[in-house]
C-alpha atoms as a PDB file:
ATOM      1  CA  MET A   1     129.912  77.431  37.569  1.00  0.00           C
ATOM      2  CA  ILE A   2     126.255  76.973  37.275  1.00  0.00           C
ATOM      3  CA  PRO A   3     125.111  73.853  37.686  1.00  0.00           C
ATOM      4  CA  LEU A   4     123.650  71.650  34.938  1.00  0.00           C
ATOM      5  CA  VAL A   5     119.816  70.739  34.807  1.00  0.00           C
ATOM      6  CA  ILE A   6     119.424  66.999  36.395  1.00  0.00           C
ATOM      7  CA  GLY A   7     116.794  65.748  33.752  1.00  0.00           C
ATOM      8  CA  PHE A   8     116.585  65.226  30.928  1.00  0.00           C
ATOM      9  CA  ALA A   9     116.401  67.907  28.430  1.00  0.00           C
ATOM     10  CA  PHE A  10     117.534  69.242  24.940  1.00  0.00           C
ATOM     11  CA  THR A  11     117.901  72.190  22.305  1.00  0.00           C
ATOM     12  CA  PHE A  12     118.485  72.514  18.998  1.00  0.00           C
ATOM     13  CA  TRP A  13     121.287  74.907  17.748  1.00  0.00           C
ATOM     14  CA  GLY A  14     121.856  74.154  14.081  1.00  0.00           C
ATOM     15  CA  VAL A  15     119.661  72.235  12.759  1.00  0.00           C
ATOM     16  CA  ARG A  16     120.606  72.132   8.555  1.00  0.00           C
ATOM     17  CA  GLY A  17     122.875  70.136   6.334  1.00  0.00           C
ATOM     18  CA  SER A  18     125.594  70.591   3.753  1.00  0.00           C
ATOM     19  CA  ILE A  19     126.186  74.258   4.811  1.00  0.00           C
ATOM     20  CA  ALA A  20     124.888  77.210   6.274  1.00  0.00           C
ATOM     21  CA  CYS A  21     122.422  79.512   4.697  1.00  0.00           C
ATOM     22  CA  PRO A  22     121.912  82.762   6.731  1.00  0.00           C
ATOM     23  CA  THR A  23     119.485  83.997   4.544  1.00  0.00           C
ATOM     24  CA  PRO A  24     115.778  85.429   5.513  1.00  0.00           C
ATOM     25  CA  ARG A  25     114.650  83.019   3.452  1.00  0.00           C
ATOM     26  CA  HIS A  26     115.987  80.722   6.144  1.00  0.00           C
ATOM     27  CA  VAL A  27     115.304  82.292   9.784  1.00  0.00           C
ATOM     28  CA  GLY A  28     112.284  80.487  10.712  1.00  0.00           C
ATOM     29  CA  TYR A  29     113.906  77.235  10.786  1.00  0.00           C
ATOM     30  CA  GLY A  30     117.572  78.294  11.083  1.00  0.00           C
ATOM     31  CA  GLY A  31     120.270  78.352   8.637  1.00  0.00           C
ATOM     32  CA  ASN A  32     123.143  76.888  11.694  1.00  0.00           C
ATOM     33  CA  THR A  33     124.631  73.325  10.630  1.00  0.00           C
ATOM     34  CA  SER A  34     124.152  70.316  12.788  1.00  0.00           C
ATOM     35  CA  CYS A  35     124.621  70.871  16.655  1.00  0.00           C
ATOM     36  CA  VAL A  36     122.070  69.516  19.548  1.00  0.00           C
ATOM     37  CA  GLU A  37     123.047  70.370  23.303  1.00  0.00           C
ATOM     38  CA  VAL A  38     121.705  67.734  25.702  1.00  0.00           C
ATOM     39  CA  LEU A  39     121.872  68.009  29.226  1.00  0.00           C
ATOM     40  CA  VAL A  40     121.344  64.782  30.958  1.00  0.00           C
ATOM     41  CA  GLY A  41     121.907  63.546  34.422  1.00  0.00           C
ATOM     42  CA  GLY A  42     123.650  66.680  35.271  1.00  0.00           C
ATOM     43  CA  ARG A  43     125.814  66.095  32.246  1.00  0.00           C
ATOM     44  CA  MET A  44     126.465  68.216  29.426  1.00  0.00           C
ATOM     45  CA  LEU A  45     126.577  66.258  26.099  1.00  0.00           C
ATOM     46  CA  ILE A  46     126.840  68.282  22.377  1.00  0.00           C
ATOM     47  CA  LEU A  47     125.858  66.140  19.380  1.00  0.00           C
ATOM     48  CA  ASP A  48     127.520  67.374  15.960  1.00  0.00           C
ATOM     49  CA  ALA A  49     129.964  70.462  15.831  1.00  0.00           C
ATOM     50  CA  GLY A  50     128.402  71.974  12.706  1.00  0.00           C
ATOM     51  CA  THR A  51     127.841  76.396  12.653  1.00  0.00           C
ATOM     52  CA  GLY A  52     125.680  75.988  15.720  1.00  0.00           C
ATOM     53  CA  LEU A  53     128.746  74.869  17.627  1.00  0.00           C
ATOM     54  CA  ARG A  54     129.431  78.388  18.260  1.00  0.00           C
ATOM     55  CA  GLU A  55     126.435  79.898  19.781  1.00  0.00           C
ATOM     56  CA  LEU A  56     126.283  77.081  22.120  1.00  0.00           C
ATOM     57  CA  GLY A  57     129.693  78.244  23.309  1.00  0.00           C
ATOM     58  CA  ILE A  58     129.266  81.770  23.676  1.00  0.00           C
ATOM     59  CA  LYS A  59     125.911  80.549  26.100  1.00  0.00           C
ATOM     60  CA  LEU A  60     128.633  77.689  28.147  1.00  0.00           C
ATOM     61  CA  VAL A  61     130.996  80.565  28.811  1.00  0.00           C
ATOM     62  CA  LYS A  62     128.293  83.289  29.665  1.00  0.00           C
ATOM     63  CA  ASP A  63     126.806  80.303  31.931  1.00  0.00           C
ATOM     64  CA  ARG A  64     130.379  79.313  33.457  1.00  0.00           C
ATOM     65  CA  VAL A  65     129.887  75.347  32.408  1.00  0.00           C
ATOM     66  CA  SER A  66     133.530  73.833  32.868  1.00  0.00           C
ATOM     67  CA  GLU A  67     133.178  70.898  30.696  1.00  0.00           C
ATOM     68  CA  ALA A  68     131.258  68.547  28.386  1.00  0.00           C
ATOM     69  CA  THR A  69     130.787  65.509  25.989  1.00  0.00           C
ATOM     70  CA  LEU A  70     131.293  65.993  22.287  1.00  0.00           C
ATOM     71  CA  LEU A  71     129.462  63.132  19.851  1.00  0.00           C
ATOM     72  CA  LEU A  72     130.326  63.223  16.428  1.00  0.00           C
ATOM     73  CA  THR A  73     128.370  61.531  14.183  1.00  0.00           C
ATOM     74  CA  HIS A  74     131.457  62.040  11.450  1.00  0.00           C
ATOM     75  CA  THR A  75     133.607  64.369  10.416  1.00  0.00           C
ATOM     76  CA  HIS A  76     132.292  65.754   6.985  1.00  0.00           C
ATOM     77  CA  TRP A  77     132.325  69.952   6.970  1.00  0.00           C
ATOM     78  CA  ASP A  78     129.072  70.641   8.002  1.00  0.00           C
ATOM     79  CA  HIS A  79     129.277  68.539  11.450  1.00  0.00           C
ATOM     80  CA  ILE A  80     132.775  69.792  12.221  1.00  0.00           C
ATOM     81  CA  CYS A  81     132.898  73.346  10.949  1.00  0.00           C
ATOM     82  CA  GLY A  82     131.929  75.181  14.361  1.00  0.00           C
ATOM     83  CA  PHE A  83     134.547  73.342  16.262  1.00  0.00           C
ATOM     84  CA  PRO A  84     137.135  76.115  15.381  1.00  0.00           C
ATOM     85  CA  PHE A  85     135.412  78.649  16.363  1.00  0.00           C
ATOM     86  CA  PHE A  86     133.706  76.836  20.104  1.00  0.00           C
ATOM     87  CA  GLY A  87     134.867  79.400  23.003  1.00  0.00           C
ATOM     88  CA  PRO A  88     135.107  77.019  25.709  1.00  0.00           C
ATOM     89  CA  ALA A  89     137.796  75.491  23.766  1.00  0.00           C
ATOM     90  CA  PHE A  90     140.437  78.262  24.069  1.00  0.00           C
ATOM     91  CA  LYS A  91     139.636  78.626  27.575  1.00  0.00           C
ATOM     92  CA  GLU A  92     142.367  76.963  29.948  1.00  0.00           C
ATOM     93  CA  ASP A  93     139.555  76.013  32.619  1.00  0.00           C
ATOM     94  CA  PHE A  94     137.229  74.396  30.258  1.00  0.00           C
ATOM     95  CA  SER A  95     137.560  70.084  30.012  1.00  0.00           C
ATOM     96  CA  LEU A  96     136.103  68.506  26.812  1.00  0.00           C
ATOM     97  CA  SER A  97     135.632  64.841  25.483  1.00  0.00           C
ATOM     98  CA  VAL A  98     135.158  64.419  21.870  1.00  0.00           C
ATOM     99  CA  MET A  99     134.060  60.950  20.849  1.00  0.00           C
ATOM    100  CA  ALA A 100     133.307  59.351  17.383  1.00  0.00           C
ATOM    101  CA  GLY A 101     133.030  55.975  16.113  1.00  0.00           C
ATOM    102  CA  HIS A 102     133.701  56.120  12.501  1.00  0.00           C
ATOM    103  CA  LEU A 103     137.629  56.613  12.753  1.00  0.00           C
ATOM    104  CA  LYS A 104     139.289  54.287  15.372  1.00  0.00           C
ATOM    105  CA  GLN A 105     140.924  52.528  11.765  1.00  0.00           C
ATOM    106  CA  SER A 106     141.425  55.496   9.850  1.00  0.00           C
ATOM    107  CA  GLY A 107     143.861  58.133  11.765  1.00  0.00           C
ATOM    108  CA  GLY A 108     140.872  58.250  14.843  1.00  0.00           C
ATOM    109  CA  VAL A 109     139.025  61.449  15.477  1.00  0.00           C
ATOM    110  CA  ARG A 110     141.769  63.751  16.453  1.00  0.00           C
ATOM    111  CA  SER A 111     143.870  63.447  13.663  1.00  0.00           C
ATOM    112  CA  ALA A 112     140.325  64.145  11.547  1.00  0.00           C
ATOM    113  CA  LEU A 113     139.919  67.327  14.015  1.00  0.00           C
ATOM    114  CA  GLU A 114     143.622  68.783  14.062  1.00  0.00           C
ATOM    115  CA  GLY A 115     143.093  68.619   9.914  1.00  0.00           C
ATOM    116  CA  GLN A 116     140.766  71.351   9.344  1.00  0.00           C
ATOM    117  CA  MET A 117     142.815  73.208  11.698  1.00  0.00           C
ATOM    118  CA  THR A 118     145.991  73.842   9.704  1.00  0.00           C
ATOM    119  CA  GLN A 119     147.032  75.942   7.178  1.00  0.00           C
ATOM    120  CA  PRO A 120     146.593  77.117   4.436  1.00  0.00           C
ATOM    121  CA  MET A 121     142.695  76.358   5.516  1.00  0.00           C
ATOM    122  CA  PHE A 122     142.991  77.647   8.933  1.00  0.00           C
ATOM    123  CA  PRO A 123     144.889  79.804  10.506  1.00  0.00           C
ATOM    124  CA  VAL A 124     144.936  78.367  14.579  1.00  0.00           C
ATOM    125  CA  PRO A 125     146.240  75.007  14.981  1.00  0.00           C
ATOM    126  CA  LEU A 126     144.732  72.536  17.344  1.00  0.00           C
ATOM    127  CA  GLU A 127     147.525  72.703  19.588  1.00  0.00           C
ATOM    128  CA  GLN A 128     146.698  76.295  20.537  1.00  0.00           C
ATOM    129  CA  LEU A 129     143.575  75.207  22.520  1.00  0.00           C
ATOM    130  CA  GLN A 130     144.307  75.781  25.516  1.00  0.00           C
ATOM    131  CA  ALA A 131     141.147  73.090  27.074  1.00  0.00           C
ATOM    132  CA  ASN A 132     141.798  70.065  28.264  1.00  0.00           C
ATOM    133  CA  ILE A 133     140.492  67.781  25.620  1.00  0.00           C
ATOM    134  CA  ASP A 134     140.540  64.302  25.446  1.00  0.00           C
ATOM    135  CA  PHE A 135     139.988  62.502  22.529  1.00  0.00           C
ATOM    136  CA  GLU A 136     138.425  59.319  21.826  1.00  0.00           C
ATOM    137  CA  ASP A 137     137.221  56.437  19.149  1.00  0.00           C
ATOM    138  CA  PHE A 138     135.087  53.829  20.249  1.00  0.00           C
ATOM    139  CA  ASP A 139     133.932  50.849  18.431  1.00  0.00           C
ATOM    140  CA  VAL A 140     129.972  51.172  16.937  1.00  0.00           C
ATOM    141  CA  GLY A 141     128.005  48.674  18.676  1.00  0.00           C
ATOM    142  CA  VAL A 142     129.432  48.122  21.839  1.00  0.00           C
ATOM    143  CA  PRO A 143     127.529  50.465  24.318  1.00  0.00           C
ATOM    144  CA  PHE A 144     129.041  52.604  27.024  1.00  0.00           C
ATOM    145  CA  GLU A 145     128.246  55.184  29.502  1.00  0.00           C
ATOM    146  CA  LEU A 146     128.621  58.421  30.471  1.00  0.00           C
ATOM    147  CA  GLY A 147     128.777  58.615  33.847  1.00  0.00           C
ATOM    148  CA  PRO A 148     125.722  57.343  36.777  1.00  0.00           C
ATOM    149  CA  ASP A 149     122.366  56.228  34.686  1.00  0.00           C
ATOM    150  CA  ILE A 150     123.786  57.595  31.030  1.00  0.00           C
ATOM    151  CA  LYS A 151     123.846  54.744  28.702  1.00  0.00           C
ATOM    152  CA  ILE A 152     124.973  55.200  25.227  1.00  0.00           C
ATOM    153  CA  LYS A 153     124.184  52.785  22.070  1.00  0.00           C
ATOM    154  CA  THR A 154     125.672  53.223  18.715  1.00  0.00           C
ATOM    155  CA  ALA A 155     124.589  52.172  15.221  1.00  0.00           C
ATOM    156  CA  ALA A 156     126.514  52.479  11.898  1.00  0.00           C
ATOM    157  CA  LEU A 157     125.283  54.617   9.221  1.00  0.00           C
ATOM    158  CA  ASN A 158     124.645  54.606   5.656  1.00  0.00           C
ATOM    159  CA  HIS A 159     126.926  57.478   4.809  1.00  0.00           C
ATOM    160  CA  PRO A 160     130.406  58.158   2.277  1.00  0.00           C
ATOM    161  CA  ASN A 161     132.907  57.551   5.000  1.00  0.00           C
ATOM    162  CA  GLY A 162     130.535  56.134   8.181  1.00  0.00           C
ATOM    163  CA  ALA A 163     128.300  58.017  10.236  1.00  0.00           C
ATOM    164  CA  THR A 164     127.837  56.756  13.585  1.00  0.00           C
ATOM    165  CA  GLY A 165     123.940  57.414  15.075  1.00  0.00           C
ATOM    166  CA  TYR A 166     123.597  57.270  18.957  1.00  0.00           C
ATOM    167  CA  ARG A 167     120.705  56.466  21.845  1.00  0.00           C
ATOM    168  CA  ILE A 168     121.387  58.443  25.092  1.00  0.00           C
ATOM    169  CA  GLU A 169     119.196  56.767  27.568  1.00  0.00           C
ATOM    170  CA  HIS A 170     118.635  58.059  31.161  1.00  0.00           C
ATOM    171  CA  GLY A 171     115.714  57.620  33.789  1.00  0.00           C
ATOM    172  CA  GLY A 172     113.863  55.763  31.464  1.00  0.00           C
ATOM    173  CA  LYS A 173     113.514  57.816  28.781  1.00  0.00           C
ATOM    174  CA  SER A 174     115.671  57.580  25.706  1.00  0.00           C
ATOM    175  CA  LEU A 175     116.585  59.838  22.612  1.00  0.00           C
ATOM    176  CA  CYS A 176     118.002  59.682  19.195  1.00  0.00           C
ATOM    177  CA  TYR A 177     120.590  60.788  16.785  1.00  0.00           C
ATOM    178  CA  VAL A 178     120.128  59.908  13.432  1.00  0.00           C
ATOM    179  CA  THR A 179     122.120  61.760  10.639  1.00  0.00           C
ATOM    180  CA  ASP A 180     123.479  61.239   7.955  1.00  0.00           C
ATOM    181  CA  THR A 181     122.079  58.290   6.510  1.00  0.00           C
ATOM    182  CA  GLU A 182     120.723  56.876   3.173  1.00  0.00           C
ATOM    183  CA  HIS A 183     117.867  54.764   3.250  1.00  0.00           C
ATOM    184  CA  VAL A 184     117.112  51.955   0.353  1.00  0.00           C
ATOM    185  CA  PRO A 185     113.524  52.012  -0.537  1.00  0.00           C
ATOM    186  CA  GLY A 186     111.294  49.763   1.086  1.00  0.00           C
ATOM    187  CA  LYS A 187     114.026  47.974   2.933  1.00  0.00           C
ATOM    188  CA  PRO A 188     113.863  49.359   6.232  1.00  0.00           C
ATOM    189  CA  ASP A 189     117.408  49.366   7.868  1.00  0.00           C
ATOM    190  CA  PRO A 190     117.633  47.089  10.299  1.00  0.00           C
ATOM    191  CA  GLN A 191     120.351  48.509  12.590  1.00  0.00           C
ATOM    192  CA  ILE A 192     118.087  51.866  12.994  1.00  0.00           C
ATOM    193  CA  LEU A 193     115.072  49.844  13.868  1.00  0.00           C
ATOM    194  CA  GLU A 194     117.254  48.623  16.249  1.00  0.00           C
ATOM    195  CA  LEU A 195     118.588  51.657  17.641  1.00  0.00           C
ATOM    196  CA  ILE A 196     115.281  53.885  17.365  1.00  0.00           C
ATOM    197  CA  ARG A 197     113.031  51.454  19.561  1.00  0.00           C
ATOM    198  CA  ASP A 198     110.172  52.298  21.420  1.00  0.00           C
ATOM    199  CA  ALA A 199     112.280  55.902  21.760  1.00  0.00           C
ATOM    200  CA  ASP A 200     110.935  58.357  23.644  1.00  0.00           C
ATOM    201  CA  LEU A 201     112.013  60.856  20.399  1.00  0.00           C
ATOM    202  CA  VAL A 202     113.954  60.559  16.979  1.00  0.00           C
ATOM    203  CA  ILE A 203     116.091  63.170  15.866  1.00  0.00           C
ATOM    204  CA  TYR A 204     116.175  62.040  11.943  1.00  0.00           C
ATOM    205  CA  ASP A 205     118.036  63.050   8.482  1.00  0.00           C
ATOM    206  CA  CYS A 206     115.289  63.870   6.623  1.00  0.00           C
ATOM    207  CA  THR A 207     117.129  66.043   3.796  1.00  0.00           C
ATOM    208  CA  TYR A 208     114.557  64.936   1.192  1.00  0.00           C
ATOM    209  CA  THR A 209     111.537  64.408   0.324  1.00  0.00           C
ATOM    210  CA  ASP A 210     110.027  60.878  -1.282  1.00  0.00           C
ATOM    211  CA  ASP A 211     110.116  63.026  -4.567  1.00  0.00           C
ATOM    212  CA  GLU A 212     113.380  63.779  -4.703  1.00  0.00           C
ATOM    213  CA  PHE A 213     115.083  61.412  -3.249  1.00  0.00           C
ATOM    214  CA  PRO A 214     115.824  59.062  -7.046  1.00  0.00           C
ATOM    215  CA  ALA A 215     118.082  62.285  -7.980  1.00  0.00           C
ATOM    216  CA  HIS A 216     119.848  62.236  -4.439  1.00  0.00           C
ATOM    217  CA  VAL A 217     120.790  58.442  -4.902  1.00  0.00           C
ATOM    218  CA  GLY A 218     124.619  57.755  -3.676  1.00  0.00           C
ATOM    219  CA  TRP A 219     124.452  61.490  -1.325  1.00  0.00           C
ATOM    220  CA  GLY A 220     124.314  59.037   1.989  1.00  0.00           C
ATOM    221  CA  HIS A 221     120.438  61.074   3.180  1.00  0.00           C
ATOM    222  CA  SER A 222     116.913  59.606   3.894  1.00  0.00           C
ATOM    223  CA  THR A 223     113.613  61.332   3.543  1.00  0.00           C
ATOM    224  CA  TRP A 224     110.693  62.689   6.329  1.00  0.00           C
ATOM    225  CA  GLN A 225     108.605  60.072   4.858  1.00  0.00           C
ATOM    226  CA  GLU A 226     111.143  57.410   5.568  1.00  0.00           C
ATOM    227  CA  GLY A 227     111.867  58.951   8.813  1.00  0.00           C
ATOM    228  CA  VAL A 228     108.197  58.771   9.978  1.00  0.00           C
ATOM    229  CA  ARG A 229     108.134  55.030   8.534  1.00  0.00           C
ATOM    230  CA  LEU A 230     111.159  54.142  10.707  1.00  0.00           C
ATOM    231  CA  CYS A 231     109.660  55.814  14.114  1.00  0.00           C
ATOM    232  CA  GLN A 232     105.990  54.038  13.251  1.00  0.00           C
ATOM    233  CA  GLN A 233     107.443  50.576  12.707  1.00  0.00           C
ATOM    234  CA  ALA A 234     109.648  50.820  16.091  1.00  0.00           C
ATOM    235  CA  GLY A 235     107.529  52.076  17.898  1.00  0.00           C
ATOM    236  CA  ALA A 236     109.118  55.612  18.439  1.00  0.00           C
ATOM    237  CA  LYS A 237     106.814  58.025  20.180  1.00  0.00           C
ATOM    238  CA  ARG A 238     107.900  61.180  18.113  1.00  0.00           C
ATOM    239  CA  LEU A 239     110.264  62.269  15.345  1.00  0.00           C
ATOM    240  CA  ALA A 240     112.258  65.517  14.997  1.00  0.00           C
ATOM    241  CA  ILE A 241     112.759  66.377  11.246  1.00  0.00           C
ATOM    242  CA  PHE A 242     116.378  67.398  10.915  1.00  0.00           C
ATOM    243  CA  HIS A 243     119.159  68.169   8.751  1.00  0.00           C
ATOM    244  CA  HIS A 244     117.011  70.572   7.106  1.00  0.00           C
ATOM    245  CA  ASP A 245     118.223  70.527   2.932  1.00  0.00           C
ATOM    246  CA  PRO A 246     119.593  74.441   2.253  1.00  0.00           C
ATOM    247  CA  ASN A 247     117.148  74.629  -0.484  1.00  0.00           C
ATOM    248  CA  HIS A 248     114.873  73.910   1.618  1.00  0.00           C
ATOM    249  CA  ASP A 249     113.568  77.428   2.528  1.00  0.00           C
ATOM    250  CA  ASP A 250     111.201  77.980   5.430  1.00  0.00           C
ATOM    251  CA  GLU A 251     107.756  77.984   2.941  1.00  0.00           C
ATOM    252  CA  PHE A 252     109.339  74.932   2.366  1.00  0.00           C
ATOM    253  CA  MET A 253     109.700  73.537   4.921  1.00  0.00           C
ATOM    254  CA  ALA A 254     106.103  74.901   6.801  1.00  0.00           C
ATOM    255  CA  ALA A 255     104.574  72.749   4.175  1.00  0.00           C
ATOM    256  CA  VAL A 256     106.509  69.897   5.088  1.00  0.00           C
ATOM    257  CA  GLU A 257     105.608  70.230   8.768  1.00  0.00           C
ATOM    258  CA  ARG A 258     102.026  70.377   7.518  1.00  0.00           C
ATOM    259  CA  GLN A 259     102.448  67.648   5.462  1.00  0.00           C
ATOM    260  CA  ALA A 260     104.465  65.380   8.528  1.00  0.00           C
ATOM    261  CA  ARG A 261     101.794  66.312  10.499  1.00  0.00           C
ATOM    262  CA  GLU A 262      98.985  64.925   8.374  1.00  0.00           C
ATOM    263  CA  MET A 263     101.188  61.547   7.958  1.00  0.00           C
ATOM    264  CA  TRP A 264     101.926  61.020  11.742  1.00  0.00           C
ATOM    265  CA  ASP A 265     100.577  63.354  14.145  1.00  0.00           C
ATOM    266  CA  GLY A 266     104.106  62.475  16.529  1.00  0.00           C
ATOM    267  CA  ALA A 267     106.409  64.225  13.918  1.00  0.00           C
ATOM    268  CA  PHE A 268     107.507  68.069  13.605  1.00  0.00           C
ATOM    269  CA  VAL A 269     110.175  70.031  11.954  1.00  0.00           C
ATOM    270  CA  ALA A 270     113.322  71.033  14.377  1.00  0.00           C
ATOM    271  CA  ARG A 271     113.761  74.373  14.518  1.00  0.00           C
ATOM    272  CA  GLU A 272     116.980  76.319  15.536  1.00  0.00           C
ATOM    273  CA  GLY A 273     116.300  77.530  19.247  1.00  0.00           C
ATOM    274  CA  MET A 274     113.720  75.189  20.261  1.00  0.00           C
ATOM    275  CA  THR A 275     114.163  73.423  23.377  1.00  0.00           C
ATOM    276  CA  ILE A 276     112.376  70.253  24.624  1.00  0.00           C
ATOM    277  CA  GLU A 277     112.195  67.903  28.324  1.00  0.00           C
ATOM    278  CA  LEU A 278     112.447  64.449  28.144  1.00  0.00           C
ATOM    279  CA  GLY A 279     111.883  64.192  31.361  1.00  0.00           C
END
């Protein structure tokens, strides 16, 4: 196995929400759905299992990585549909821990992933995966650790069927992953504010613009402007605009990035393949 980097860095493998959009109009920012690779303290963490997970899996097999922990925000299709195509899960010498916080009272995360891999929806059942896979449902709001000096904090998000936001802390640095969630205009979510307080970087659900939001109330998503407001109020250092709507092509996203920079120089738009080091 090639040793993992000691430190704190992450890479976007999927930045899109709702459905993958592999068109020429989306190549600049990326068309795969949510998946972020996090290398922290010598461990491999994966945030969500959207279509971007397939390409990440190819890399992990090539690099002979032998274990990883998958943290799921929730189990809507755009966040789990890459799981059946995750190459390492078919290898006997790979260990995967799958964790979620929104399903403990409703069947558990194993049942949810197993459900999408049943006929006639999918031909390969979960039982055919050869890796050593452990499924764990945790209580949202109760901190836990993943190895030495890697602390995970969580918060419940406002999303249909539930979702979980994460804060990963290591070596004095912090990364927050807050998607999918819907805000209430003029009422910042106190749980999110606490989760992202003074964070080095926040990856936030910026599916819509403030102008688009009124037509999508109840859909479970937020705006890039709200992401900026939350980060500024919580004292976070940087914002990664994430979970791009499939209707927002490269031209649209470039305009969002310009407007976001004008509103706050700590904001930028997440692109597929982008790697950021926190320390």
